[in-house]
Amino acid sequence: MLNLTTKADLQRLIDEQIREDLHLEFKAGEAIGTRDRERNEMSKDVSPMANADGGQIIYGIAQDENGLAVGFSPVDGARHSPESIEQMLRSRVSPPIKELRIHIGRHPQISHSRYAATG
C-alpha cells in the first residue's frame, strides 16, 4: 500500500497522474455525504475492497474518465470527522473491517476542507 498520510503524498498522486487500480481508488469529496443514498454508496465502495485483497480509497481526489488523479475535491471537514466516517462504515459493512484506518488531513487553501484516506 502507498504511504498516503500527508497532503504532499496526495499531491504526488495528482502531479504524477497516478491511475486507479485494484488497490487504489479515488472519490470526490462530495461522495462522503449525510444522506442514506450517499452512505450506502460509500459502503458499497469500501466493502468489496475490504473483503478482497485490501487497498486504499482516497476521498477528496478528483479523477478523469480514465481514472487518473487530476486534482483535489475536498471533503467538507465541518460535517465529517474520522470518527463519524468510521462509525458509519462499521455500522454498514459486514463482516466488519478489521484494519479500517481513516486519516483526515486539512487542505491548506480551502477553509473547513479535508481529504480523507481510508485503507
PDB file of N, CA and C in Angstrom:
ATOM      1  N   MET A   1       0.832  -1.179   0.000  1.00  0.00           N
ATOM      2  CA  MET A   1       0.000   0.000   0.000  1.00  0.00           C
ATOM      3  C   MET A   1       0.877   1.242   0.000  1.00  0.00           C
ATOM      4  N   LEU A   2       0.365   2.260  -0.651  1.00  0.00           N
ATOM      5  CA  LEU A   2       1.080   3.520  -0.702  1.00  0.00           C
ATOM      6  C   LEU A   2       1.001   4.228   0.644  1.00  0.00           C
ATOM      7  N   ASN A   3       2.046   4.968   0.986  1.00  0.00           N
ATOM      8  CA  ASN A   3       2.035   5.801   2.185  1.00  0.00           C
ATOM      9  C   ASN A   3       1.363   7.120   1.807  1.00  0.00           C
ATOM     10  N   LEU A   4       0.121   7.289   2.234  1.00  0.00           N
ATOM     11  CA  LEU A   4      -0.663   8.475   1.861  1.00  0.00           C
ATOM     12  C   LEU A   4      -1.181   9.166   3.111  1.00  0.00           C
ATOM     13  N   THR A   5      -0.274   9.796   3.848  1.00  0.00           N
ATOM     14  CA  THR A   5      -0.679  10.419   5.104  1.00  0.00           C
ATOM     15  C   THR A   5      -0.559  11.931   5.102  1.00  0.00           C
ATOM     16  N   THR A   6       0.077  12.499   4.090  1.00  0.00           N
ATOM     17  CA  THR A   6       0.233  13.954   4.060  1.00  0.00           C
ATOM     18  C   THR A   6      -0.334  14.515   2.756  1.00  0.00           C
ATOM     19  N   LYS A   7      -0.559  15.814   2.761  1.00  0.00           N
ATOM     20  CA  LYS A   7      -1.016  16.469   1.543  1.00  0.00           C
ATOM     21  C   LYS A   7       0.020  16.294   0.434  1.00  0.00           C
ATOM     22  N   ALA A   8       1.301  16.312   0.774  1.00  0.00           N
ATOM     23  CA  ALA A   8       2.361  16.127  -0.233  1.00  0.00           C
ATOM     24  C   ALA A   8       2.252  14.745  -0.883  1.00  0.00           C
ATOM     25  N   ASP A   9       1.918  13.723  -0.100  1.00  0.00           N
ATOM     26  CA  ASP A   9       1.734  12.374  -0.661  1.00  0.00           C
ATOM     27  C   ASP A   9       0.611  12.393  -1.690  1.00  0.00           C
ATOM     28  N   LEU A  10      -0.485  13.066  -1.344  1.00  0.00           N
ATOM     29  CA  LEU A  10      -1.630  13.125  -2.253  1.00  0.00           C
ATOM     30  C   LEU A  10      -1.340  14.010  -3.461  1.00  0.00           C
ATOM     31  N   GLN A  11      -0.607  15.095  -3.238  1.00  0.00           N
ATOM     32  CA  GLN A  11      -0.244  15.977  -4.347  1.00  0.00           C
ATOM     33  C   GLN A  11       0.588  15.215  -5.381  1.00  0.00           C
ATOM     34  N   ARG A  12       1.429  14.301  -4.894  1.00  0.00           N
ATOM     35  CA  ARG A  12       2.246  13.479  -5.798  1.00  0.00           C
ATOM     36  C   ARG A  12       1.360  12.619  -6.701  1.00  0.00           C
ATOM     37  N   LEU A  13       0.255  12.086  -6.160  1.00  0.00           N
ATOM     38  CA  LEU A  13      -0.681  11.306  -6.980  1.00  0.00           C
ATOM     39  C   LEU A  13      -1.202  12.142  -8.146  1.00  0.00           C
ATOM     40  N   ILE A  14      -1.496  13.407  -7.853  1.00  0.00           N
ATOM     41  CA  ILE A  14      -2.025  14.321  -8.870  1.00  0.00           C
ATOM     42  C   ILE A  14      -0.924  14.707  -9.850  1.00  0.00           C
ATOM     43  N   ASP A  15       0.227  15.112  -9.315  1.00  0.00           N
ATOM     44  CA  ASP A  15       1.333  15.547 -10.178  1.00  0.00           C
ATOM     45  C   ASP A  15       1.782  14.447 -11.136  1.00  0.00           C
ATOM     46  N   GLU A  16       1.786  13.221 -10.649  1.00  0.00           N
ATOM     47  CA  GLU A  16       2.229  12.089 -11.473  1.00  0.00           C
ATOM     48  C   GLU A  16       1.068  11.418 -12.203  1.00  0.00           C
ATOM     49  N   GLN A  17      -0.114  11.972 -12.057  1.00  0.00           N
ATOM     50  CA  GLN A  17      -1.338  11.436 -12.667  1.00  0.00           C
ATOM     51  C   GLN A  17      -1.426   9.923 -12.489  1.00  0.00           C
ATOM     52  N   ILE A  18      -1.368   9.522 -11.225  1.00  0.00           N
ATOM     53  CA  ILE A  18      -1.465   8.105 -10.879  1.00  0.00           C
ATOM     54  C   ILE A  18      -2.866   7.610 -11.230  1.00  0.00           C
ATOM     55  N   ARG A  19      -2.949   6.410 -11.761  1.00  0.00           N
ATOM     56  CA  ARG A  19      -4.214   5.810 -12.183  1.00  0.00           C
ATOM     57  C   ARG A  19      -4.751   4.882 -11.085  1.00  0.00           C
ATOM     58  N   GLU A  20      -6.063   4.854 -10.975  1.00  0.00           N
ATOM     59  CA  GLU A  20      -6.696   3.900 -10.072  1.00  0.00           C
ATOM     60  C   GLU A  20      -6.354   2.480 -10.511  1.00  0.00           C
ATOM     61  N   ASP A  21      -6.369   1.568  -9.540  1.00  0.00           N
ATOM     62  CA  ASP A  21      -6.188   0.155  -9.856  1.00  0.00           C
ATOM     63  C   ASP A  21      -6.981  -0.668  -8.849  1.00  0.00           C
ATOM     64  N   LEU A  22      -6.731  -1.948  -8.771  1.00  0.00           N
ATOM     65  CA  LEU A  22      -7.493  -2.812  -7.868  1.00  0.00           C
ATOM     66  C   LEU A  22      -7.328  -2.444  -6.397  1.00  0.00           C
ATOM     67  N   HIS A  23      -6.237  -1.772  -6.073  1.00  0.00           N
ATOM     68  CA  HIS A  23      -5.934  -1.461  -4.678  1.00  0.00           C
ATOM     69  C   HIS A  23      -5.946   0.033  -4.376  1.00  0.00           C
ATOM     70  N   LEU A  24      -6.308   0.847  -5.330  1.00  0.00           N
ATOM     71  CA  LEU A  24      -6.328   2.299  -5.130  1.00  0.00           C
ATOM     72  C   LEU A  24      -7.498   2.885  -5.892  1.00  0.00           C
ATOM     73  N   GLU A  25      -8.311   3.657  -5.177  1.00  0.00           N
ATOM     74  CA  GLU A  25      -9.488   4.258  -5.792  1.00  0.00           C
ATOM     75  C   GLU A  25      -9.617   5.708  -5.329  1.00  0.00           C
ATOM     76  N   PHE A  26     -10.029   6.574  -6.235  1.00  0.00           N
ATOM     77  CA  PHE A  26     -10.232   7.987  -5.933  1.00  0.00           C
ATOM     78  C   PHE A  26     -11.717   8.310  -5.942  1.00  0.00           C
ATOM     79  N   LYS A  27     -12.126   9.154  -5.002  1.00  0.00           N
ATOM     80  CA  LYS A  27     -13.514   9.611  -4.931  1.00  0.00           C
ATOM     81  C   LYS A  27     -13.514  11.106  -4.636  1.00  0.00           C
ATOM     82  N   ALA A  28     -14.426  11.812  -5.268  1.00  0.00           N
ATOM     83  CA  ALA A  28     -14.585  13.238  -4.985  1.00  0.00           C
ATOM     84  C   ALA A  28     -15.077  13.411  -3.548  1.00  0.00           C
ATOM     85  N   GLY A  29     -14.773  14.549  -2.964  1.00  0.00           N
ATOM     86  CA  GLY A  29     -15.169  14.818  -1.594  1.00  0.00           C
ATOM     87  C   GLY A  29     -16.660  14.732  -1.362  1.00  0.00           C
ATOM     88  N   GLU A  30     -17.442  15.071  -2.390  1.00  0.00           N
ATOM     89  CA  GLU A  30     -18.902  15.029  -2.257  1.00  0.00           C
ATOM     90  C   GLU A  30     -19.420  13.608  -2.066  1.00  0.00           C
ATOM     91  N   ALA A  31     -18.594  12.605  -2.335  1.00  0.00           N
ATOM     92  CA  ALA A  31     -19.026  11.214  -2.175  1.00  0.00           C
ATOM     93  C   ALA A  31     -19.278  10.867  -0.709  1.00  0.00           C
ATOM     94  N   ILE A  32     -18.692  11.634   0.200  1.00  0.00           N
ATOM     95  CA  ILE A  32     -18.982  11.441   1.623  1.00  0.00           C
ATOM     96  C   ILE A  32     -20.142  12.361   1.951  1.00  0.00           C
ATOM     97  N   GLY A  33     -21.297  11.780   2.139  1.00  0.00           N
ATOM     98  CA  GLY A  33     -22.494  12.565   2.393  1.00  0.00           C
ATOM     99  C   GLY A  33     -23.186  12.146   3.667  1.00  0.00           C
ATOM    100  N   THR A  34     -24.293  12.797   3.927  1.00  0.00           N
ATOM    101  CA  THR A  34     -25.057  12.508   5.134  1.00  0.00           C
ATOM    102  C   THR A  34     -26.370  11.799   4.823  1.00  0.00           C
ATOM    103  N   ARG A  35     -26.744  11.743   3.558  1.00  0.00           N
ATOM    104  CA  ARG A  35     -27.987  11.052   3.196  1.00  0.00           C
ATOM    105  C   ARG A  35     -27.730   9.555   3.072  1.00  0.00           C
ATOM    106  N   ASP A  36     -28.786   8.765   3.275  1.00  0.00           N
ATOM    107  CA  ASP A  36     -28.663   7.311   3.199  1.00  0.00           C
ATOM    108  C   ASP A  36     -28.106   6.850   1.860  1.00  0.00           C
ATOM    109  N   ARG A  37     -28.533   7.480   0.768  1.00  0.00           N
ATOM    110  CA  ARG A  37     -28.057   7.082  -0.559  1.00  0.00           C
ATOM    111  C   ARG A  37     -26.534   7.220  -0.648  1.00  0.00           C
ATOM    112  N   GLU A  38     -25.995   8.337  -0.159  1.00  0.00           N
ATOM    113  CA  GLU A  38     -24.549   8.561  -0.208  1.00  0.00           C
ATOM    114  C   GLU A  38     -23.816   7.598   0.725  1.00  0.00           C
ATOM    115  N   ARG A  39     -24.378   7.354   1.882  1.00  0.00           N
ATOM    116  CA  ARG A  39     -23.748   6.438   2.837  1.00  0.00           C
ATOM    117  C   ARG A  39     -23.768   5.003   2.305  1.00  0.00           C
ATOM    118  N   ASN A  40     -24.867   4.616   1.669  1.00  0.00           N
ATOM    119  CA  ASN A  40     -24.928   3.281   1.067  1.00  0.00           C
ATOM    120  C   ASN A  40     -23.890   3.137  -0.033  1.00  0.00           C
ATOM    121  N   GLU A  41     -23.739   4.174  -0.846  1.00  0.00           N
ATOM    122  CA  GLU A  41     -22.756   4.144  -1.929  1.00  0.00           C
ATOM    123  C   GLU A  41     -21.339   4.047  -1.372  1.00  0.00           C
ATOM    124  N   MET A  42     -21.064   4.793  -0.318  1.00  0.00           N
ATOM    125  CA  MET A  42     -19.744   4.747   0.299  1.00  0.00           C
ATOM    126  C   MET A  42     -19.468   3.343   0.849  1.00  0.00           C
ATOM    127  N   SER A  43     -20.464   2.737   1.468  1.00  0.00           N
ATOM    128  CA  SER A  43     -20.319   1.369   1.980  1.00  0.00           C
ATOM    129  C   SER A  43     -20.058   0.396   0.844  1.00  0.00           C
ATOM    130  N   LYS A  44     -20.739   0.597  -0.292  1.00  0.00           N
ATOM    131  CA  LYS A  44     -20.533  -0.261  -1.459  1.00  0.00           C
ATOM    132  C   LYS A  44     -19.133  -0.096  -2.033  1.00  0.00           C
ATOM    133  N   ASP A  45     -18.554   1.085  -1.881  1.00  0.00           N
ATOM    134  CA  ASP A  45     -17.189   1.314  -2.353  1.00  0.00           C
ATOM    135  C   ASP A  45     -16.179   0.595  -1.471  1.00  0.00           C
ATOM    136  N   VAL A  46     -16.384   0.675  -0.170  1.00  0.00           N
ATOM    137  CA  VAL A  46     -15.412   0.155   0.795  1.00  0.00           C
ATOM    138  C   VAL A  46     -15.503  -1.362   0.944  1.00  0.00           C
ATOM    139  N   SER A  47     -16.694  -1.902   0.969  1.00  0.00           N
ATOM    140  CA  SER A  47     -16.897  -3.315   1.274  1.00  0.00           C
ATOM    141  C   SER A  47     -16.148  -4.278   0.345  1.00  0.00           C
ATOM    142  N   PRO A  48     -16.259  -4.147  -0.973  1.00  0.00           N
ATOM    143  CA  PRO A  48     -15.545  -5.107  -1.841  1.00  0.00           C
ATOM    144  C   PRO A  48     -14.031  -5.074  -1.662  1.00  0.00           C
ATOM    145  N   MET A  49     -13.491  -3.879  -1.474  1.00  0.00           N
ATOM    146  CA  MET A  49     -12.045  -3.776  -1.309  1.00  0.00           C
ATOM    147  C   MET A  49     -11.629  -4.422   0.012  1.00  0.00           C
ATOM    148  N   ALA A  50     -12.434  -4.198   1.054  1.00  0.00           N
ATOM    149  CA  ALA A  50     -12.115  -4.763   2.365  1.00  0.00           C
ATOM    150  C   ALA A  50     -12.238  -6.282   2.368  1.00  0.00           C
ATOM    151  N   ASN A  51     -13.193  -6.798   1.616  1.00  0.00           N
ATOM    152  CA  ASN A  51     -13.418  -8.240   1.590  1.00  0.00           C
ATOM    153  C   ASN A  51     -12.549  -8.966   0.567  1.00  0.00           C
ATOM    154  N   ALA A  52     -11.794  -8.220  -0.201  1.00  0.00           N
ATOM    155  CA  ALA A  52     -10.898  -8.826  -1.186  1.00  0.00           C
ATOM    156  C   ALA A  52      -9.470  -8.751  -0.652  1.00  0.00           C
ATOM    157  N   ASP A  53      -8.619  -8.127  -1.426  1.00  0.00           N
ATOM    158  CA  ASP A  53      -7.193  -8.055  -1.108  1.00  0.00           C
ATOM    159  C   ASP A  53      -6.819  -6.804  -0.317  1.00  0.00           C
ATOM    160  N   GLY A  54      -7.783  -5.943  -0.040  1.00  0.00           N
ATOM    161  CA  GLY A  54      -7.490  -4.694   0.654  1.00  0.00           C
ATOM    162  C   GLY A  54      -7.098  -3.600  -0.327  1.00  0.00           C
ATOM    163  N   GLY A  55      -6.831  -2.430   0.205  1.00  0.00           N
ATOM    164  CA  GLY A  55      -6.439  -1.307  -0.628  1.00  0.00           C
ATOM    165  C   GLY A  55      -6.759   0.011   0.040  1.00  0.00           C
ATOM    166  N   GLN A  56      -6.755   1.056  -0.759  1.00  0.00           N
ATOM    167  CA  GLN A  56      -6.983   2.397  -0.256  1.00  0.00           C
ATOM    168  C   GLN A  56      -8.003   3.113  -1.123  1.00  0.00           C
ATOM    169  N   ILE A  57      -8.909   3.814  -0.461  1.00  0.00           N
ATOM    170  CA  ILE A  57      -9.837   4.703  -1.144  1.00  0.00           C
ATOM    171  C   ILE A  57      -9.538   6.099  -0.643  1.00  0.00           C
ATOM    172  N   ILE A  58      -9.278   7.000  -1.568  1.00  0.00           N
ATOM    173  CA  ILE A  58      -8.955   8.373  -1.219  1.00  0.00           C
ATOM    174  C   ILE A  58     -10.158   9.243  -1.548  1.00  0.00           C
ATOM    175  N   TYR A  59     -10.822   9.767  -0.538  1.00  0.00           N
ATOM    176  CA  TYR A  59     -11.923  10.708  -0.725  1.00  0.00           C
ATOM    177  C   TYR A  59     -11.319  12.106  -0.721  1.00  0.00           C
ATOM    178  N   GLY A  60     -11.633  12.866  -1.737  1.00  0.00           N
ATOM    179  CA  GLY A  60     -11.092  14.214  -1.842  1.00  0.00           C
ATOM    180  C   GLY A  60     -10.132  14.386  -3.006  1.00  0.00           C
ATOM    181  N   ILE A  61     -10.058  13.376  -3.869  1.00  0.00           N
ATOM    182  CA  ILE A  61      -9.236  13.448  -5.076  1.00  0.00           C
ATOM    183  C   ILE A  61     -10.156  13.270  -6.285  1.00  0.00           C
ATOM    184  N   ALA A  62     -10.127  14.233  -7.181  1.00  0.00           N
ATOM    185  CA  ALA A  62     -10.911  14.144  -8.412  1.00  0.00           C
ATOM    186  C   ALA A  62     -10.144  13.289  -9.421  1.00  0.00           C
ATOM    187  N   GLN A  63     -10.906  12.589 -10.249  1.00  0.00           N
ATOM    188  CA  GLN A  63     -10.300  11.754 -11.284  1.00  0.00           C
ATOM    189  C   GLN A  63     -10.919  12.086 -12.631  1.00  0.00           C
ATOM    190  N   ASP A  64     -10.198  11.778 -13.684  1.00  0.00           N
ATOM    191  CA  ASP A  64     -10.771  11.963 -15.021  1.00  0.00           C
ATOM    192  C   ASP A  64     -11.439  10.667 -15.475  1.00  0.00           C
ATOM    193  N   GLU A  65     -11.920  10.656 -16.714  1.00  0.00           N
ATOM    194  CA  GLU A  65     -12.646   9.487 -17.233  1.00  0.00           C
ATOM    195  C   GLU A  65     -11.766   8.250 -17.372  1.00  0.00           C
ATOM    196  N   ASN A  66     -10.447   8.426 -17.312  1.00  0.00           N
ATOM    197  CA  ASN A  66      -9.523   7.294 -17.401  1.00  0.00           C
ATOM    198  C   ASN A  66      -9.030   6.818 -16.033  1.00  0.00           C
ATOM    199  N   GLY A  67      -9.572   7.400 -14.954  1.00  0.00           N
ATOM    200  CA  GLY A  67      -9.166   7.002 -13.609  1.00  0.00           C
ATOM    201  C   GLY A  67      -7.873   7.633 -13.131  1.00  0.00           C
ATOM    202  N   LEU A  68      -7.432   8.708 -13.792  1.00  0.00           N
ATOM    203  CA  LEU A  68      -6.206   9.400 -13.389  1.00  0.00           C
ATOM    204  C   LEU A  68      -6.528  10.484 -12.366  1.00  0.00           C
ATOM    205  N   ALA A  69      -5.703  10.586 -11.324  1.00  0.00           N
ATOM    206  CA  ALA A  69      -5.862  11.653 -10.334  1.00  0.00           C
ATOM    207  C   ALA A  69      -5.564  12.991 -11.004  1.00  0.00           C
ATOM    208  N   VAL A  70      -6.511  13.938 -10.906  1.00  0.00           N
ATOM    209  CA  VAL A  70      -6.325  15.214 -11.602  1.00  0.00           C
ATOM    210  C   VAL A  70      -6.407  16.439 -10.699  1.00  0.00           C
ATOM    211  N   GLY A  71      -6.832  16.283  -9.457  1.00  0.00           N
ATOM    212  CA  GLY A  71      -6.907  17.447  -8.577  1.00  0.00           C
ATOM    213  C   GLY A  71      -7.606  17.119  -7.271  1.00  0.00           C
ATOM    214  N   PHE A  72      -7.599  18.099  -6.380  1.00  0.00           N
ATOM    215  CA  PHE A  72      -8.292  17.935  -5.107  1.00  0.00           C
ATOM    216  C   PHE A  72      -9.768  18.245  -5.266  1.00  0.00           C
ATOM    217  N   SER A  73     -10.588  17.509  -4.576  1.00  0.00           N
ATOM    218  CA  SER A  73     -12.028  17.711  -4.484  1.00  0.00           C
ATOM    219  C   SER A  73     -12.371  17.478  -3.019  1.00  0.00           C
ATOM    220  N   PRO A  74     -12.108  18.467  -2.169  1.00  0.00           N
ATOM    221  CA  PRO A  74     -12.063  18.261  -0.720  1.00  0.00           C
ATOM    222  C   PRO A  74     -13.366  17.788  -0.080  1.00  0.00           C
ATOM    223  N   VAL A  75     -13.171  17.083   1.014  1.00  0.00           N
ATOM    224  CA  VAL A  75     -14.258  16.631   1.883  1.00  0.00           C
ATOM    225  C   VAL A  75     -14.628  17.791   2.796  1.00  0.00           C
ATOM    226  N   ASP A  76     -15.907  17.967   3.076  1.00  0.00           N
ATOM    227  CA  ASP A  76     -16.370  19.018   3.981  1.00  0.00           C
ATOM    228  C   ASP A  76     -16.021  18.626   5.412  1.00  0.00           C
ATOM    229  N   GLY A  77     -14.942  19.173   5.923  1.00  0.00           N
ATOM    230  CA  GLY A  77     -14.459  18.833   7.255  1.00  0.00           C
ATOM    231  C   GLY A  77     -15.332  19.348   8.376  1.00  0.00           C
ATOM    232  N   ALA A  78     -16.195  20.313   8.086  1.00  0.00           N
ATOM    233  CA  ALA A  78     -17.116  20.803   9.111  1.00  0.00           C
ATOM    234  C   ALA A  78     -18.231  19.793   9.354  1.00  0.00           C
ATOM    235  N   ARG A  79     -18.478  18.914   8.397  1.00  0.00           N
ATOM    236  CA  ARG A  79     -19.575  17.938   8.502  1.00  0.00           C
ATOM    237  C   ARG A  79     -19.109  16.519   8.772  1.00  0.00           C
ATOM    238  N   HIS A  80     -17.826  16.222   8.517  1.00  0.00           N
ATOM    239  CA  HIS A  80     -17.361  14.837   8.600  1.00  0.00           C
ATOM    240  C   HIS A  80     -16.066  14.747   9.396  1.00  0.00           C
ATOM    241  N   SER A  81     -16.067  13.915  10.411  1.00  0.00           N
ATOM    242  CA  SER A  81     -14.866  13.657  11.198  1.00  0.00           C
ATOM    243  C   SER A  81     -14.428  12.213  10.942  1.00  0.00           C
ATOM    244  N   PRO A  82     -13.182  11.885  11.261  1.00  0.00           N
ATOM    245  CA  PRO A  82     -12.754  10.492  11.100  1.00  0.00           C
ATOM    246  C   PRO A  82     -13.658   9.535  11.894  1.00  0.00           C
ATOM    247  N   GLU A  83     -14.051   9.965  13.083  1.00  0.00           N
ATOM    248  CA  GLU A  83     -14.878   9.113  13.936  1.00  0.00           C
ATOM    249  C   GLU A  83     -16.249   8.857  13.313  1.00  0.00           C
ATOM    250  N   SER A  84     -16.852   9.900  12.739  1.00  0.00           N
ATOM    251  CA  SER A  84     -18.185   9.716  12.157  1.00  0.00           C
ATOM    252  C   SER A  84     -18.125   8.833  10.908  1.00  0.00           C
ATOM    253  N   ILE A  85     -17.074   8.974  10.119  1.00  0.00           N
ATOM    254  CA  ILE A  85     -16.912   8.135   8.926  1.00  0.00           C
ATOM    255  C   ILE A  85     -16.682   6.683   9.346  1.00  0.00           C
ATOM    256  N   GLU A  86     -15.804   6.483  10.317  1.00  0.00           N
ATOM    257  CA  GLU A  86     -15.529   5.123  10.785  1.00  0.00           C
ATOM    258  C   GLU A  86     -16.786   4.489  11.373  1.00  0.00           C
ATOM    259  N   GLN A  87     -17.508   5.218  12.198  1.00  0.00           N
ATOM    260  CA  GLN A  87     -18.726   4.686  12.808  1.00  0.00           C
ATOM    261  C   GLN A  87     -19.750   4.296  11.736  1.00  0.00           C
ATOM    262  N   MET A  88     -19.921   5.155  10.739  1.00  0.00           N
ATOM    263  CA  MET A  88     -20.872   4.875   9.672  1.00  0.00           C
ATOM    264  C   MET A  88     -20.465   3.607   8.914  1.00  0.00           C
ATOM    265  N   LEU A  89     -19.190   3.471   8.576  1.00  0.00           N
ATOM    266  CA  LEU A  89     -18.738   2.293   7.830  1.00  0.00           C
ATOM    267  C   LEU A  89     -18.841   1.028   8.673  1.00  0.00           C
ATOM    268  N   ARG A  90     -18.477   1.116   9.920  1.00  0.00           N
ATOM    269  CA  ARG A  90     -18.547  -0.072  10.788  1.00  0.00           C
ATOM    270  C   ARG A  90     -19.990  -0.528  10.986  1.00  0.00           C
ATOM    271  N   SER A  91     -20.932   0.399  10.935  1.00  0.00           N
ATOM    272  CA  SER A  91     -22.336   0.015  11.127  1.00  0.00           C
ATOM    273  C   SER A  91     -22.975  -0.531   9.850  1.00  0.00           C
ATOM    274  N   ARG A  92     -22.372  -0.278   8.685  1.00  0.00           N
ATOM    275  CA  ARG A  92     -22.987  -0.659   7.414  1.00  0.00           C
ATOM    276  C   ARG A  92     -22.254  -1.753   6.655  1.00  0.00           C
ATOM    277  N   VAL A  93     -21.024  -2.052   7.013  1.00  0.00           N
ATOM    278  CA  VAL A  93     -20.239  -3.046   6.270  1.00  0.00           C
ATOM    279  C   VAL A  93     -20.138  -4.319   7.104  1.00  0.00           C
ATOM    280  N   SER A  94     -20.521  -5.429   6.485  1.00  0.00           N
ATOM    281  CA  SER A  94     -20.476  -6.711   7.163  1.00  0.00           C
ATOM    282  C   SER A  94     -19.861  -7.745   6.213  1.00  0.00           C
ATOM    283  N   PRO A  95     -18.931  -8.562   6.669  1.00  0.00           N
ATOM    284  CA  PRO A  95     -18.391  -8.602   8.024  1.00  0.00           C
ATOM    285  C   PRO A  95     -17.573  -7.341   8.323  1.00  0.00           C
ATOM    286  N   PRO A  96     -17.353  -7.070   9.610  1.00  0.00           N
ATOM    287  CA  PRO A  96     -16.625  -5.850   9.990  1.00  0.00           C
ATOM    288  C   PRO A  96     -15.227  -5.795   9.367  1.00  0.00           C
ATOM    289  N   ILE A  97     -14.796  -4.600   9.069  1.00  0.00           N
ATOM    290  CA  ILE A  97     -13.459  -4.380   8.505  1.00  0.00           C
ATOM    291  C   ILE A  97     -12.464  -4.382   9.657  1.00  0.00           C
ATOM    292  N   LYS A  98     -11.538  -5.330   9.649  1.00  0.00           N
ATOM    293  CA  LYS A  98     -10.599  -5.467  10.762  1.00  0.00           C
ATOM    294  C   LYS A  98      -9.604  -4.320  10.833  1.00  0.00           C
ATOM    295  N   GLU A  99      -9.059  -3.933   9.696  1.00  0.00           N
ATOM    296  CA  GLU A  99      -7.983  -2.945   9.712  1.00  0.00           C
ATOM    297  C   GLU A  99      -8.395  -1.649   9.030  1.00  0.00           C
ATOM    298  N   LEU A 100      -9.574  -1.157   9.361  1.00  0.00           N
ATOM    299  CA  LEU A 100     -10.028   0.109   8.807  1.00  0.00           C
ATOM    300  C   LEU A 100      -9.239   1.243   9.448  1.00  0.00           C
ATOM    301  N   ARG A 101      -8.615   2.049   8.609  1.00  0.00           N
ATOM    302  CA  ARG A 101      -7.883   3.222   9.081  1.00  0.00           C
ATOM    303  C   ARG A 101      -8.369   4.418   8.282  1.00  0.00           C
ATOM    304  N   ILE A 102      -8.671   5.474   8.975  1.00  0.00           N
ATOM    305  CA  ILE A 102      -9.119   6.687   8.312  1.00  0.00           C
ATOM    306  C   ILE A 102      -8.201   7.812   8.733  1.00  0.00           C
ATOM    307  N   HIS A 103      -7.605   8.436   7.756  1.00  0.00           N
ATOM    308  CA  HIS A 103      -6.736   9.581   8.004  1.00  0.00           C
ATOM    309  C   HIS A 103      -7.403  10.796   7.377  1.00  0.00           C
ATOM    310  N   ILE A 104      -7.571  11.837   8.150  1.00  0.00           N
ATOM    311  CA  ILE A 104      -8.168  13.073   7.648  1.00  0.00           C
ATOM    312  C   ILE A 104      -7.103  14.157   7.730  1.00  0.00           C
ATOM    313  N   GLY A 105      -6.854  14.814   6.632  1.00  0.00           N
ATOM    314  CA  GLY A 105      -5.887  15.905   6.610  1.00  0.00           C
ATOM    315  C   GLY A 105      -6.557  17.198   6.195  1.00  0.00           C
ATOM    316  N   ARG A 106      -6.005  18.298   6.618  1.00  0.00           N
ATOM    317  CA  ARG A 106      -6.550  19.612   6.285  1.00  0.00           C
ATOM    318  C   ARG A 106      -5.968  20.082   4.954  1.00  0.00           C
ATOM    319  N   HIS A 107      -6.828  20.591   4.083  1.00  0.00           N
ATOM    320  CA  HIS A 107      -6.371  21.195   2.828  1.00  0.00           C
ATOM    321  C   HIS A 107      -6.063  22.659   3.137  1.00  0.00           C
ATOM    322  N   PRO A 108      -4.816  23.101   2.987  1.00  0.00           N
ATOM    323  CA  PRO A 108      -4.420  24.422   3.467  1.00  0.00           C
ATOM    324  C   PRO A 108      -5.048  25.608   2.734  1.00  0.00           C
ATOM    325  N   GLN A 109      -5.490  25.438   1.496  1.00  0.00           N
ATOM    326  CA  GLN A 109      -6.035  26.572   0.757  1.00  0.00           C
ATOM    327  C   GLN A 109      -7.550  26.716   0.884  1.00  0.00           C
ATOM    328  N   ILE A 110      -8.235  25.738   1.468  1.00  0.00           N
ATOM    329  CA  ILE A 110      -9.685  25.788   1.493  1.00  0.00           C
ATOM    330  C   ILE A 110     -10.162  25.655   2.935  1.00  0.00           C
ATOM    331  N   SER A 111     -10.839  26.660   3.444  1.00  0.00           N
ATOM    332  CA  SER A 111     -11.327  26.669   4.812  1.00  0.00           C
ATOM    333  C   SER A 111     -12.314  25.528   5.042  1.00  0.00           C
ATOM    334  N   HIS A 112     -12.221  24.889   6.186  1.00  0.00           N
ATOM    335  CA  HIS A 112     -13.110  23.790   6.599  1.00  0.00           C
ATOM    336  C   HIS A 112     -13.088  22.619   5.624  1.00  0.00           C
ATOM    337  N   SER A 113     -12.004  22.402   4.926  1.00  0.00           N
ATOM    338  CA  SER A 113     -11.963  21.281   3.990  1.00  0.00           C
ATOM    339  C   SER A 113     -10.946  20.261   4.453  1.00  0.00           C
ATOM    340  N   ARG A 114     -11.147  19.057   4.003  1.00  0.00           N
ATOM    341  CA  ARG A 114     -10.271  17.956   4.363  1.00  0.00           C
ATOM    342  C   ARG A 114     -10.129  17.012   3.183  1.00  0.00           C
ATOM    343  N   TYR A 115      -9.179  16.143   3.286  1.00  0.00           N
ATOM    344  CA  TYR A 115      -9.122  14.987   2.399  1.00  0.00           C
ATOM    345  C   TYR A 115      -9.108  13.775   3.303  1.00  0.00           C
ATOM    346  N   ALA A 116      -9.674  12.701   2.883  1.00  0.00           N
ATOM    347  CA  ALA A 116      -9.772  11.505   3.727  1.00  0.00           C
ATOM    348  C   ALA A 116      -9.185  10.322   2.988  1.00  0.00           C
ATOM    349  N   ALA A 117      -8.332   9.604   3.671  1.00  0.00           N
ATOM    350  CA  ALA A 117      -7.762   8.394   3.096  1.00  0.00           C
ATOM    351  C   ALA A 117      -8.183   7.206   3.944  1.00  0.00           C
ATOM    352  N   THR A 118      -8.813   6.235   3.343  1.00  0.00           N
ATOM    353  CA  THR A 118      -9.178   5.029   4.074  1.00  0.00           C
ATOM    354  C   THR A 118      -8.348   3.876   3.566  1.00  0.00           C
ATOM    355  N   GLY A 119      -8.049   2.954   4.412  1.00  0.00           N
ATOM    356  CA  GLY A 119      -7.264   1.809   3.997  1.00  0.00           C
ATOM    357  C   GLY A 119      -7.455   0.647   4.918  1.00  0.00           C
TER     358      GLY A 119
END
